[in-house]
Amino acid sequence: MKTIILSAIAAVTMLWGGCKTDEIGKKQLYVLNEETSVAEWKGAMPDNANTGSFAVKSKDLEVENGKVTGGSFIIPIASIKNFNLPDAVKPQLLEHLKSADFFNMAIHPEASFKITKVEPYTGKDTAAIAGANFLVTGNFTMIGKTHPVTFPAKIDVNGKTLKTEAKFSIDRTKWGMNYATDPKAEGHYIYNDVAIHLKLDGTMQGSGKN
């Protein structure tokens, strides 16, 4: 009887240890909620500014040991919205932004960001989102061009939910968006830098072994 009990304990111990090892070797995949995940934007001119948002989609954000380790997200250009203009004027601006002067949506219907590195952030960038705890680096592709982008982000993984928020700017001319970039063109000049406020809301969908 003693031998049987000891064998049973050993078997349970091996099973428990095996389960823990297996769990450590897994990455959880998160999918973004398309209703609440947005990239808000602000494009400014010397005398005023326009604001709006894009939807953000992803099904492969990877989390390992409670930390984001990889994945990508997509921004459908057709999802662009404007916040500040009267309803009667919004369509004119949005169609212009979709045109070849800006996003050239007919040829490049999506922008994308692929994460290449996520590391702890302890900096004190005053432009960063409050509570930023990670420095995210990735390749941002837009209008057929790809450039690296790095920004501080607040990332909170809590069980089956993931929330990310970040504030940063990109120089639109790096991606070939050169419309109204001449400061001498009075009344027809848009600053190169575009402010981005990223708000992502995800839910765990599954896991896979490394």
C-alpha atoms as a PDB file:
ATOM      1  CA  MET A   1       0.000   0.000   0.000  1.00  0.00           C
ATOM      2  CA  LYS A   2       2.808   2.389   0.884  1.00  0.00           C
ATOM      3  CA  THR A   3       4.437   1.738  -2.486  1.00  0.00           C
ATOM      4  CA  ILE A   4       1.169   2.494  -4.290  1.00  0.00           C
ATOM      5  CA  ILE A   5       0.706   5.787  -2.428  1.00  0.00           C
ATOM      6  CA  LEU A   6       4.280   6.895  -3.110  1.00  0.00           C
ATOM      7  CA  SER A   7       3.908   6.033  -6.803  1.00  0.00           C
ATOM      8  CA  ALA A   8       0.693   8.039  -7.005  1.00  0.00           C
ATOM      9  CA  ILE A   9       2.328  11.065  -5.371  1.00  0.00           C
ATOM     10  CA  ALA A  10       5.269  10.827  -7.769  1.00  0.00           C
ATOM     11  CA  ALA A  11       2.935  10.636 -10.766  1.00  0.00           C
ATOM     12  CA  VAL A  12       0.936  13.688  -9.645  1.00  0.00           C
ATOM     13  CA  THR A  13       4.178  15.622  -9.019  1.00  0.00           C
ATOM     14  CA  MET A  14       5.487  14.816 -12.494  1.00  0.00           C
ATOM     15  CA  LEU A  15       2.160  15.781 -14.075  1.00  0.00           C
ATOM     16  CA  TRP A  16       2.028  19.089 -12.202  1.00  0.00           C
ATOM     17  CA  GLY A  17       5.606  19.911 -13.085  1.00  0.00           C
ATOM     18  CA  GLY A  18       4.999  19.057 -16.713  1.00  0.00           C
ATOM     19  CA  CYS A  19       1.940  21.321 -16.868  1.00  0.00           C
ATOM     20  CA  LYS A  20       3.849  24.257 -15.410  1.00  0.00           C
ATOM     21  CA  THR A  21       6.715  23.834 -17.860  1.00  0.00           C
ATOM     22  CA  ASP A  22       4.276  23.592 -20.746  1.00  0.00           C
ATOM     23  CA  GLU A  23       2.491  26.782 -19.674  1.00  0.00           C
ATOM     24  CA  ILE A  24       5.779  28.682 -19.460  1.00  0.00           C
ATOM     25  CA  GLY A  25       6.529  27.634 -23.042  1.00  0.00           C
ATOM     26  CA  LYS A  26       3.347  29.201 -24.426  1.00  0.00           C
ATOM     27  CA  LYS A  27       2.508  32.575 -25.907  1.00  0.00           C
ATOM     28  CA  GLN A  28      -0.989  33.937 -25.529  1.00  0.00           C
ATOM     29  CA  LEU A  29      -2.528  35.616 -28.568  1.00  0.00           C
ATOM     30  CA  TYR A  30      -4.735  38.669 -28.190  1.00  0.00           C
ATOM     31  CA  VAL A  31      -7.187  40.147 -30.673  1.00  0.00           C
ATOM     32  CA  LEU A  32      -8.120  43.840 -30.640  1.00  0.00           C
ATOM     33  CA  ASN A  33     -11.649  45.084 -30.102  1.00  0.00           C
ATOM     34  CA  GLU A  34     -12.291  47.027 -33.308  1.00  0.00           C
ATOM     35  CA  GLU A  35     -15.002  49.128 -31.663  1.00  0.00           C
ATOM     36  CA  THR A  36     -12.706  50.576 -29.001  1.00  0.00           C
ATOM     37  CA  SER A  37      -9.187  50.330 -30.507  1.00  0.00           C
ATOM     38  CA  VAL A  38      -8.300  53.563 -32.301  1.00  0.00           C
ATOM     39  CA  ALA A  39      -5.396  55.669 -33.488  1.00  0.00           C
ATOM     40  CA  GLU A  40      -6.408  59.288 -32.976  1.00  0.00           C
ATOM     41  CA  TRP A  41      -4.574  61.837 -35.122  1.00  0.00           C
ATOM     42  CA  LYS A  42      -3.955  65.571 -35.225  1.00  0.00           C
ATOM     43  CA  GLY A  43      -2.654  67.436 -38.250  1.00  0.00           C
ATOM     44  CA  ALA A  44      -1.816  71.064 -37.641  1.00  0.00           C
ATOM     45  CA  MET A  45      -1.402  74.234 -39.704  1.00  0.00           C
ATOM     46  CA  PRO A  46      -0.058  77.598 -38.514  1.00  0.00           C
ATOM     47  CA  ASP A  47      -3.539  78.896 -37.710  1.00  0.00           C
ATOM     48  CA  ASN A  48      -5.632  75.790 -36.958  1.00  0.00           C
ATOM     49  CA  ALA A  49      -5.691  71.975 -36.818  1.00  0.00           C
ATOM     50  CA  ASN A  50      -7.799  68.973 -37.767  1.00  0.00           C
ATOM     51  CA  THR A  51      -8.355  65.980 -35.527  1.00  0.00           C
ATOM     52  CA  GLY A  52      -9.803  62.517 -36.071  1.00  0.00           C
ATOM     53  CA  SER A  53      -9.181  58.802 -35.777  1.00  0.00           C
ATOM     54  CA  PHE A  54      -8.591  55.487 -37.542  1.00  0.00           C
ATOM     55  CA  ALA A  55      -9.784  52.050 -36.504  1.00  0.00           C
ATOM     56  CA  VAL A  56      -7.055  49.574 -35.484  1.00  0.00           C
ATOM     57  CA  LYS A  57      -7.229  45.796 -36.089  1.00  0.00           C
ATOM     58  CA  SER A  58      -5.095  42.884 -34.903  1.00  0.00           C
ATOM     59  CA  LYS A  59      -5.457  39.158 -34.230  1.00  0.00           C
ATOM     60  CA  ASP A  60      -1.868  38.272 -33.353  1.00  0.00           C
ATOM     61  CA  LEU A  61      -0.583  40.423 -30.502  1.00  0.00           C
ATOM     62  CA  GLU A  62       1.685  38.067 -28.549  1.00  0.00           C
ATOM     63  CA  VAL A  63       1.985  38.063 -24.757  1.00  0.00           C
ATOM     64  CA  GLU A  64       4.432  35.888 -22.842  1.00  0.00           C
ATOM     65  CA  ASN A  65       4.757  35.864 -19.050  1.00  0.00           C
ATOM     66  CA  GLY A  66       2.458  38.878 -18.878  1.00  0.00           C
ATOM     67  CA  LYS A  67       4.467  40.973 -21.332  1.00  0.00           C
ATOM     68  CA  VAL A  68       3.853  41.892 -24.967  1.00  0.00           C
ATOM     69  CA  THR A  69       6.575  40.276 -27.087  1.00  0.00           C
ATOM     70  CA  GLY A  70       5.442  40.664 -30.696  1.00  0.00           C
ATOM     71  CA  GLY A  71       2.668  40.848 -33.224  1.00  0.00           C
ATOM     72  CA  SER A  72       1.283  43.499 -35.531  1.00  0.00           C
ATOM     73  CA  PHE A  73      -1.736  45.671 -36.137  1.00  0.00           C
ATOM     74  CA  ILE A  74      -3.431  47.112 -39.211  1.00  0.00           C
ATOM     75  CA  ILE A  75      -4.995  50.526 -39.795  1.00  0.00           C
ATOM     76  CA  PRO A  76      -7.669  50.526 -42.561  1.00  0.00           C
ATOM     77  CA  ILE A  77      -7.445  53.923 -44.265  1.00  0.00           C
ATOM     78  CA  ALA A  78     -11.141  53.807 -45.160  1.00  0.00           C
ATOM     79  CA  SER A  79     -11.945  53.974 -41.440  1.00  0.00           C
ATOM     80  CA  ILE A  80     -10.649  57.562 -41.132  1.00  0.00           C
ATOM     81  CA  LYS A  81     -12.870  59.980 -39.203  1.00  0.00           C
ATOM     82  CA  ASN A  82     -12.791  63.698 -38.477  1.00  0.00           C
ATOM     83  CA  PHE A  83     -13.802  65.161 -35.129  1.00  0.00           C
ATOM     84  CA  ASN A  84     -13.680  68.930 -35.431  1.00  0.00           C
ATOM     85  CA  LEU A  85     -15.317  70.012 -38.696  1.00  0.00           C
ATOM     86  CA  PRO A  86     -19.045  70.542 -39.319  1.00  0.00           C
ATOM     87  CA  ASP A  87     -20.778  67.475 -40.757  1.00  0.00           C
ATOM     88  CA  ALA A  88     -21.338  69.231 -44.081  1.00  0.00           C
ATOM     89  CA  VAL A  89     -17.588  69.786 -44.530  1.00  0.00           C
ATOM     90  CA  LYS A  90     -16.181  66.509 -43.187  1.00  0.00           C
ATOM     91  CA  PRO A  91     -16.670  64.470 -46.399  1.00  0.00           C
ATOM     92  CA  GLN A  92     -14.602  66.944 -48.411  1.00  0.00           C
ATOM     93  CA  LEU A  93     -11.640  66.692 -46.019  1.00  0.00           C
ATOM     94  CA  LEU A  94     -11.865  62.913 -45.663  1.00  0.00           C
ATOM     95  CA  GLU A  95     -11.983  62.309 -49.413  1.00  0.00           C
ATOM     96  CA  HIS A  96      -8.955  64.560 -49.838  1.00  0.00           C
ATOM     97  CA  LEU A  97      -7.053  62.650 -47.148  1.00  0.00           C
ATOM     98  CA  LYS A  98      -7.854  59.372 -48.944  1.00  0.00           C
ATOM     99  CA  SER A  99      -6.576  60.775 -52.254  1.00  0.00           C
ATOM    100  CA  ALA A 100      -3.089  60.569 -53.771  1.00  0.00           C
ATOM    101  CA  ASP A 101      -2.209  63.858 -52.051  1.00  0.00           C
ATOM    102  CA  PHE A 102      -2.148  62.011 -48.724  1.00  0.00           C
ATOM    103  CA  PHE A 103      -2.810  58.294 -48.087  1.00  0.00           C
ATOM    104  CA  ASN A 104      -3.480  57.242 -51.710  1.00  0.00           C
ATOM    105  CA  MET A 105      -6.055  54.747 -50.447  1.00  0.00           C
ATOM    106  CA  ALA A 106      -6.885  53.373 -53.901  1.00  0.00           C
ATOM    107  CA  ILE A 107      -3.387  51.854 -54.116  1.00  0.00           C
ATOM    108  CA  HIS A 108      -2.521  51.543 -50.401  1.00  0.00           C
ATOM    109  CA  PRO A 109      -5.733  50.736 -48.494  1.00  0.00           C
ATOM    110  CA  GLU A 110      -3.949  49.865 -45.237  1.00  0.00           C
ATOM    111  CA  ALA A 111      -1.134  51.017 -42.996  1.00  0.00           C
ATOM    112  CA  SER A 112       0.503  48.532 -40.634  1.00  0.00           C
ATOM    113  CA  PHE A 113       2.805  48.333 -37.628  1.00  0.00           C
ATOM    114  CA  LYS A 114       4.883  45.227 -36.868  1.00  0.00           C
ATOM    115  CA  ILE A 115       6.442  45.033 -33.409  1.00  0.00           C
ATOM    116  CA  THR A 116      10.170  44.253 -33.422  1.00  0.00           C
ATOM    117  CA  LYS A 117      11.107  44.988 -29.811  1.00  0.00           C
ATOM    118  CA  VAL A 118       9.456  45.773 -26.477  1.00  0.00           C
ATOM    119  CA  GLU A 119      11.637  46.713 -23.519  1.00  0.00           C
ATOM    120  CA  PRO A 120      11.089  48.291 -20.089  1.00  0.00           C
ATOM    121  CA  TYR A 121      10.804  52.082 -20.137  1.00  0.00           C
ATOM    122  CA  THR A 122      12.056  54.223 -17.276  1.00  0.00           C
ATOM    123  CA  GLY A 123      12.511  57.498 -19.153  1.00  0.00           C
ATOM    124  CA  LYS A 124      10.935  60.858 -18.420  1.00  0.00           C
ATOM    125  CA  ASP A 125       9.802  62.057 -21.858  1.00  0.00           C
ATOM    126  CA  THR A 126       7.278  64.801 -21.092  1.00  0.00           C
ATOM    127  CA  ALA A 127       5.455  64.042 -24.346  1.00  0.00           C
ATOM    128  CA  ALA A 128       4.929  60.391 -23.427  1.00  0.00           C
ATOM    129  CA  ILE A 129       1.635  59.059 -22.103  1.00  0.00           C
ATOM    130  CA  ALA A 130       1.366  59.186 -18.306  1.00  0.00           C
ATOM    131  CA  GLY A 131       2.400  55.891 -16.733  1.00  0.00           C
ATOM    132  CA  ALA A 132       4.425  54.694 -19.738  1.00  0.00           C
ATOM    133  CA  ASN A 133       6.179  51.470 -18.709  1.00  0.00           C
ATOM    134  CA  PHE A 134       7.473  50.015 -21.987  1.00  0.00           C
ATOM    135  CA  LEU A 135       9.403  51.289 -25.002  1.00  0.00           C
ATOM    136  CA  VAL A 136       7.919  49.837 -28.181  1.00  0.00           C
ATOM    137  CA  THR A 137       9.828  49.644 -31.467  1.00  0.00           C
ATOM    138  CA  GLY A 138       8.374  48.457 -34.739  1.00  0.00           C
ATOM    139  CA  ASN A 139       8.260  48.870 -38.505  1.00  0.00           C
ATOM    140  CA  PHE A 140       5.504  51.209 -39.667  1.00  0.00           C
ATOM    141  CA  THR A 141       4.408  50.711 -43.275  1.00  0.00           C
ATOM    142  CA  MET A 142       2.325  53.369 -45.020  1.00  0.00           C
ATOM    143  CA  ILE A 143       1.914  54.379 -48.667  1.00  0.00           C
ATOM    144  CA  GLY A 144       4.305  51.608 -49.713  1.00  0.00           C
ATOM    145  CA  LYS A 145       7.184  52.739 -47.484  1.00  0.00           C
ATOM    146  CA  THR A 146       8.453  51.227 -44.231  1.00  0.00           C
ATOM    147  CA  HIS A 147      10.355  53.025 -41.477  1.00  0.00           C
ATOM    148  CA  PRO A 148      11.092  52.152 -37.832  1.00  0.00           C
ATOM    149  CA  VAL A 149       9.124  53.958 -35.142  1.00  0.00           C
ATOM    150  CA  THR A 150       9.828  53.899 -31.396  1.00  0.00           C
ATOM    151  CA  PHE A 151       7.565  55.258 -28.672  1.00  0.00           C
ATOM    152  CA  PRO A 152       6.928  54.912 -24.911  1.00  0.00           C
ATOM    153  CA  ALA A 153       3.666  53.123 -24.133  1.00  0.00           C
ATOM    154  CA  LYS A 154       1.568  52.203 -21.147  1.00  0.00           C
ATOM    155  CA  ILE A 155       0.851  48.476 -21.483  1.00  0.00           C
ATOM    156  CA  ASP A 156      -1.347  46.655 -18.995  1.00  0.00           C
ATOM    157  CA  VAL A 157      -1.879  42.901 -19.348  1.00  0.00           C
ATOM    158  CA  ASN A 158      -4.391  41.662 -16.797  1.00  0.00           C
ATOM    159  CA  GLY A 159      -5.338  38.039 -17.352  1.00  0.00           C
ATOM    160  CA  LYS A 160      -7.422  37.880 -20.510  1.00  0.00           C
ATOM    161  CA  THR A 161      -7.403  41.626 -21.183  1.00  0.00           C
ATOM    162  CA  LEU A 162      -4.755  43.865 -22.711  1.00  0.00           C
ATOM    163  CA  LYS A 163      -4.815  47.655 -22.765  1.00  0.00           C
ATOM    164  CA  THR A 164      -2.218  49.862 -24.435  1.00  0.00           C
ATOM    165  CA  GLU A 165      -2.012  53.626 -24.703  1.00  0.00           C
ATOM    166  CA  ALA A 166       0.706  55.787 -26.273  1.00  0.00           C
ATOM    167  CA  LYS A 167       1.290  59.311 -27.543  1.00  0.00           C
ATOM    168  CA  PHE A 168       3.909  60.100 -30.175  1.00  0.00           C
ATOM    169  CA  SER A 169       4.456  61.934 -33.469  1.00  0.00           C
ATOM    170  CA  ILE A 170       5.563  60.841 -36.925  1.00  0.00           C
ATOM    171  CA  ASP A 171       7.002  62.903 -39.772  1.00  0.00           C
ATOM    172  CA  ARG A 172       4.604  62.253 -42.656  1.00  0.00           C
ATOM    173  CA  THR A 173       7.197  63.178 -45.285  1.00  0.00           C
ATOM    174  CA  LYS A 174       9.258  60.060 -44.442  1.00  0.00           C
ATOM    175  CA  TRP A 175       6.456  58.038 -46.031  1.00  0.00           C
ATOM    176  CA  GLY A 176       6.248  60.315 -49.072  1.00  0.00           C
ATOM    177  CA  MET A 177       3.288  62.409 -47.909  1.00  0.00           C
ATOM    178  CA  ASN A 178       4.585  65.710 -49.253  1.00  0.00           C
ATOM    179  CA  TYR A 179       1.376  67.643 -49.858  1.00  0.00           C
ATOM    180  CA  ALA A 180       1.444  71.248 -48.545  1.00  0.00           C
ATOM    181  CA  THR A 181       4.919  70.980 -47.016  1.00  0.00           C
ATOM    182  CA  ASP A 182       6.268  74.326 -48.260  1.00  0.00           C
ATOM    183  CA  PRO A 183       6.281  76.880 -45.400  1.00  0.00           C
ATOM    184  CA  LYS A 184       6.368  79.676 -47.977  1.00  0.00           C
ATOM    185  CA  ALA A 185       2.993  78.665 -49.392  1.00  0.00           C
ATOM    186  CA  GLU A 186       0.950  81.083 -47.327  1.00  0.00           C
ATOM    187  CA  GLY A 187      -2.402  79.672 -46.299  1.00  0.00           C
ATOM    188  CA  HIS A 188      -1.496  76.293 -47.778  1.00  0.00           C
ATOM    189  CA  TYR A 189       1.034  74.827 -45.372  1.00  0.00           C
ATOM    190  CA  ILE A 190       0.614  71.782 -43.085  1.00  0.00           C
ATOM    191  CA  TYR A 191       3.256  70.889 -40.511  1.00  0.00           C
ATOM    192  CA  ASN A 192       5.154  67.678 -41.253  1.00  0.00           C
ATOM    193  CA  ASP A 193       4.649  66.149 -37.810  1.00  0.00           C
ATOM    194  CA  VAL A 194       1.364  64.346 -37.156  1.00  0.00           C
ATOM    195  CA  ALA A 195       0.431  63.644 -33.535  1.00  0.00           C
ATOM    196  CA  ILE A 196      -0.832  60.132 -32.765  1.00  0.00           C
ATOM    197  CA  HIS A 197      -2.740  58.966 -29.686  1.00  0.00           C
ATOM    198  CA  LEU A 198      -2.915  55.169 -29.785  1.00  0.00           C
ATOM    199  CA  LYS A 199      -5.572  53.389 -27.695  1.00  0.00           C
ATOM    200  CA  LEU A 200      -5.703  49.594 -27.961  1.00  0.00           C
ATOM    201  CA  ASP A 201      -8.079  47.229 -26.195  1.00  0.00           C
ATOM    202  CA  GLY A 202      -7.495  43.479 -26.600  1.00  0.00           C
ATOM    203  CA  THR A 203      -8.789  40.109 -25.382  1.00  0.00           C
ATOM    204  CA  MET A 204      -6.946  36.794 -25.178  1.00  0.00           C
ATOM    205  CA  GLN A 205      -8.040  34.386 -27.904  1.00  0.00           C
ATOM    206  CA  GLY A 206      -5.729  31.390 -27.598  1.00  0.00           C
ATOM    207  CA  SER A 207      -2.169  30.213 -27.123  1.00  0.00           C
ATOM    208  CA  GLY A 208       0.527  28.383 -28.998  1.00  0.00           C
ATOM    209  CA  LYS A 209       3.857  26.863 -28.122  1.00  0.00           C
ATOM    210  CA  ASN A 210       7.107  28.695 -28.872  1.00  0.00           C
END
